[in-house]
Protein backbone atom coordinates (compact mmCIF):
# COMPACT_ATOMS: atom_id res chain seq x y z
CA UNK A 1 88.18 110.07 101.62
CA UNK A 2 85.32 111.68 102.76
CA UNK A 3 85.26 115.72 103.78
CA UNK A 4 85.21 117.17 107.32
CA UNK A 5 83.23 119.74 108.10
CA UNK A 6 85.13 122.28 110.68
CA UNK A 7 84.14 125.61 112.36
CA UNK A 8 86.94 128.25 111.96
CA UNK A 9 87.83 132.12 112.68
CA UNK A 10 89.38 134.86 110.59
CA UNK A 11 92.62 136.08 112.11
CA UNK A 12 93.55 139.65 112.56
CA UNK A 13 96.51 139.43 114.49
CA UNK A 14 99.63 138.32 113.05
CA UNK A 15 103.24 137.85 113.95
CA UNK A 16 104.93 135.21 116.56
CA UNK A 17 103.24 136.86 119.57
CA UNK A 18 100.02 136.72 118.31
CA UNK A 19 100.38 133.28 116.93
CA UNK A 20 101.48 131.96 120.62
CA UNK A 21 97.98 133.95 122.12
CA UNK A 22 96.06 131.79 119.49
CA UNK A 23 97.56 128.85 120.39
CA UNK A 24 97.11 129.63 124.08
CA UNK A 25 93.44 130.17 123.28
CA UNK A 26 93.31 126.33 122.08
CA UNK A 27 93.39 127.30 118.53
CA UNK A 28 95.81 126.39 115.56
CA UNK A 29 97.25 129.45 113.13
CA UNK A 30 96.57 128.49 109.56
CA UNK A 31 96.75 130.20 106.39
CA UNK A 32 94.39 129.34 103.44
CA UNK A 33 95.52 130.15 100.02
CA UNK A 34 94.52 128.95 95.95
CA UNK A 35 92.68 129.52 93.60
CA UNK A 36 93.72 133.22 92.53
CA UNK A 37 92.47 134.45 96.28
CA UNK A 38 94.40 136.55 98.63
CA UNK A 39 96.16 134.21 101.39
CA UNK A 40 93.42 134.25 104.18
CA UNK A 41 94.82 134.08 107.99
CA UNK A 42 92.48 131.55 110.02
CA UNK A 43 92.21 129.94 113.43
CA UNK A 44 91.50 126.36 113.56
CA UNK A 45 90.13 124.47 116.65
CA UNK A 46 92.94 122.32 118.21
CA UNK A 47 91.59 119.46 119.63
CA UNK A 48 88.83 118.98 117.00
CA UNK A 49 91.89 119.42 113.95
CA UNK A 50 93.99 116.96 115.52
CA UNK A 51 91.21 114.47 115.35
CA UNK A 52 90.69 115.21 111.88
CA UNK A 53 94.71 114.19 111.01
CA UNK A 54 94.19 111.38 113.64
CA UNK A 55 91.15 109.68 112.15
CA UNK A 56 91.33 111.43 108.41
CA UNK A 57 95.41 111.16 107.63
CA UNK A 58 97.25 114.45 106.71
CA UNK A 59 95.45 114.58 103.30
CA UNK A 60 91.85 115.18 104.83
CA UNK A 61 90.21 117.56 102.71
CA UNK A 62 87.70 120.17 104.92
CA UNK A 63 84.82 122.09 104.94
CA UNK A 64 85.36 125.15 106.33
CA UNK A 65 82.65 127.31 107.83
CA UNK A 66 84.14 130.81 107.82
CA UNK A 67 81.64 133.45 109.13
CA UNK A 68 78.55 132.32 107.47
CA UNK A 69 80.43 131.19 104.45
CA UNK A 70 82.05 127.59 103.42
CA UNK A 71 85.11 126.55 101.60
CA UNK A 72 86.45 123.18 100.78
CA UNK A 73 90.43 123.04 101.45
CA UNK A 74 92.84 120.50 101.26
CA UNK A 75 95.33 119.98 104.27
CA UNK A 76 98.41 121.08 102.28
CA UNK A 77 101.33 121.39 105.12
CA UNK A 78 101.13 120.86 109.00
CA UNK A 79 104.07 122.41 110.65
CA UNK A 80 104.67 120.05 114.18
CA UNK A 81 106.98 121.28 117.08
CA UNK A 82 110.15 119.51 117.11
CA UNK A 83 110.35 118.54 120.66
CA UNK A 84 106.89 119.66 122.45
CA UNK A 85 104.92 117.41 119.55
CA UNK A 86 101.78 120.12 118.82
CA UNK A 87 100.91 121.62 115.51
CA UNK A 88 102.29 124.92 115.71
CA UNK A 89 100.72 126.07 112.02
CA UNK A 90 98.49 124.02 109.19
CA UNK A 91 98.75 125.57 105.13
CA UNK A 92 95.39 124.97 103.46
CA UNK A 93 94.82 124.85 99.47
CA UNK A 94 91.49 126.15 98.60
CA UNK A 95 90.18 123.44 95.98
CA UNK A 96 86.80 123.04 94.06
CA UNK A 97 84.69 120.01 93.54
CA UNK A 98 85.99 117.56 90.52
CA UNK A 99 88.97 119.77 90.92
CA UNK A 100 92.06 117.15 90.78
CA UNK A 101 95.22 118.14 93.18
CA UNK A 102 98.57 116.28 93.65
CA UNK A 103 99.40 114.87 96.75
CA UNK A 104 101.60 112.24 98.19
CA UNK A 105 99.43 108.85 99.82
CA UNK A 106 101.18 106.60 102.41
CA UNK A 107 101.88 102.80 100.79
CA UNK A 108 101.40 100.00 103.59
CA UNK A 109 102.88 96.77 102.77
CA UNK A 110 100.32 93.89 104.12
CA UNK A 111 100.95 89.75 104.25
CA UNK A 112 103.77 87.57 105.03
CA UNK A 113 106.71 86.63 102.04
CA UNK A 114 108.08 83.70 101.97
CA UNK A 115 109.73 82.09 105.34
CA UNK A 116 113.42 83.10 106.00
CA UNK A 117 113.17 86.31 103.67
CA UNK A 118 113.20 89.81 104.47
CA UNK A 119 110.75 92.59 103.19
CA UNK A 120 112.70 96.02 102.55
CA UNK A 121 110.02 99.23 101.95
CA UNK A 122 112.15 101.40 99.88
CA UNK A 123 109.48 103.96 99.31
CA UNK A 124 106.80 105.03 102.13
CA UNK A 125 104.72 107.22 99.91
CA UNK A 126 103.78 107.69 96.34
CA UNK A 127 102.96 110.92 94.47
CA UNK A 128 99.04 110.76 92.95
CA UNK A 129 97.02 112.87 90.84
CA UNK A 130 93.40 112.56 92.32
CA UNK A 131 89.80 113.92 92.69
CA UNK A 132 90.22 115.95 95.94
CA UNK A 133 87.21 114.37 97.37
CA UNK A 134 88.67 110.68 96.17
CA UNK A 135 91.98 110.78 97.64
CA UNK A 136 93.10 107.34 99.37
CA UNK A 137 93.87 107.72 102.51
CA UNK A 138 96.73 104.74 102.04
CA UNK A 139 97.38 102.80 98.65
CA UNK A 140 98.14 98.96 100.00
CA UNK A 141 100.93 96.16 98.42
CA UNK A 142 101.07 92.71 99.29
CA UNK A 143 104.04 90.57 99.48
CA UNK A 144 101.73 87.34 100.63
CA UNK A 145 103.98 84.44 99.84
CA UNK A 146 106.80 86.21 97.65
CA UNK A 147 110.05 84.68 97.60
CA UNK A 148 113.63 86.11 97.59
CA UNK A 149 114.29 88.28 94.71
CA UNK A 150 110.99 89.73 94.15
CA UNK A 151 110.62 93.37 93.54
CA UNK A 152 107.49 95.50 93.57
CA UNK A 153 107.75 99.13 91.39
CA UNK A 154 105.26 102.16 92.08
CA UNK A 155 104.03 101.36 88.35
CA UNK A 156 102.85 97.66 89.83
CA UNK A 157 100.44 99.10 92.57
CA UNK A 158 96.95 99.01 92.62
CA UNK A 159 95.49 102.92 92.74
CA UNK A 160 92.01 103.85 93.18
CA UNK A 161 89.77 104.45 90.51
CA UNK A 162 90.71 107.88 88.89
CA UNK A 163 93.84 108.16 90.46
CA UNK A 164 97.04 108.62 87.98
CA UNK A 165 100.71 107.80 89.45
CA UNK A 166 103.10 110.55 89.49
CA UNK A 167 105.80 108.55 90.77
CA UNK A 168 108.50 107.25 88.67
CA UNK A 169 106.60 103.61 87.77
CA UNK A 170 110.25 101.93 87.65
CA UNK A 171 110.71 103.46 91.09
CA UNK A 172 111.33 100.88 93.53
CA UNK A 173 108.32 100.48 96.46
CA UNK A 174 109.48 96.82 97.94
CA UNK A 175 111.85 94.44 97.69
CA UNK A 176 112.08 90.91 99.01
CA UNK A 177 115.63 89.48 100.23
CA UNK A 178 117.37 86.75 101.53
CA UNK A 179 118.96 87.58 105.17
CA UNK A 180 122.49 88.86 104.70
CA UNK A 181 124.89 86.24 106.30
CA UNK A 182 127.47 87.76 107.93
CA UNK A 183 130.83 88.34 106.48
CA UNK A 184 133.49 86.07 107.30
CA UNK A 185 135.90 88.88 108.46
CA UNK A 186 132.78 89.87 110.94
CA UNK A 187 132.99 86.84 112.06
CA UNK A 188 136.51 86.26 112.83
CA UNK A 189 136.72 89.86 114.43
CA UNK A 190 134.25 88.84 116.49
CA UNK A 191 135.76 85.36 117.46
CA UNK A 192 138.92 87.22 118.33
CA UNK A 193 136.94 89.74 120.79
CA UNK A 194 135.17 86.85 122.32
CA UNK A 195 138.38 85.45 123.23
CA UNK A 196 140.29 88.61 124.04
CA UNK A 197 137.34 88.73 126.53
CA UNK A 198 137.86 85.59 128.07
CA UNK A 199 141.20 85.89 128.44
CA UNK A 200 140.69 89.41 130.43
CA UNK A 201 138.35 87.41 132.64
CA UNK A 202 141.02 84.18 133.42
């Protein structure tokens, strides 16, 4: 994943009122921390940051321009308003070039399993340790042609070079199964309900 440059401003006001004023000004309150430094309060440009996340994912690595200084940072936590769906706050983690970080990477299922089967994805993301500037946007797993009963575990995923799996390698990621037949008692209940509705209609 490539790094993205973003111009940010320091924040000198704190609290809920200050955060609301920051958001009204088209910016997002953020905190930058890590590597033994004191937490720094920043204001991110809302539109630009949202575009970065949309195009690069939640593991985006940012080059922050702060008052003529630059910092390399990993997007750690994004807090979104539960109802209005705007970004309320962002936590950023200072990283260094060549440093390895721990992140969750989304798992994307590709391909079509054998006809008449169902694909169940048990795990949406896996945890990996990887160099900060080489975080994969996603990990793909193909189910092309797999028959019912096939399973793919975390340890069978193909990770990019240099990435180490931290998730239990035996953890189930994808399973291919036969469609479940309707239980006999459910069929009987459905038939009785249908008969009752027909009788009521008469």
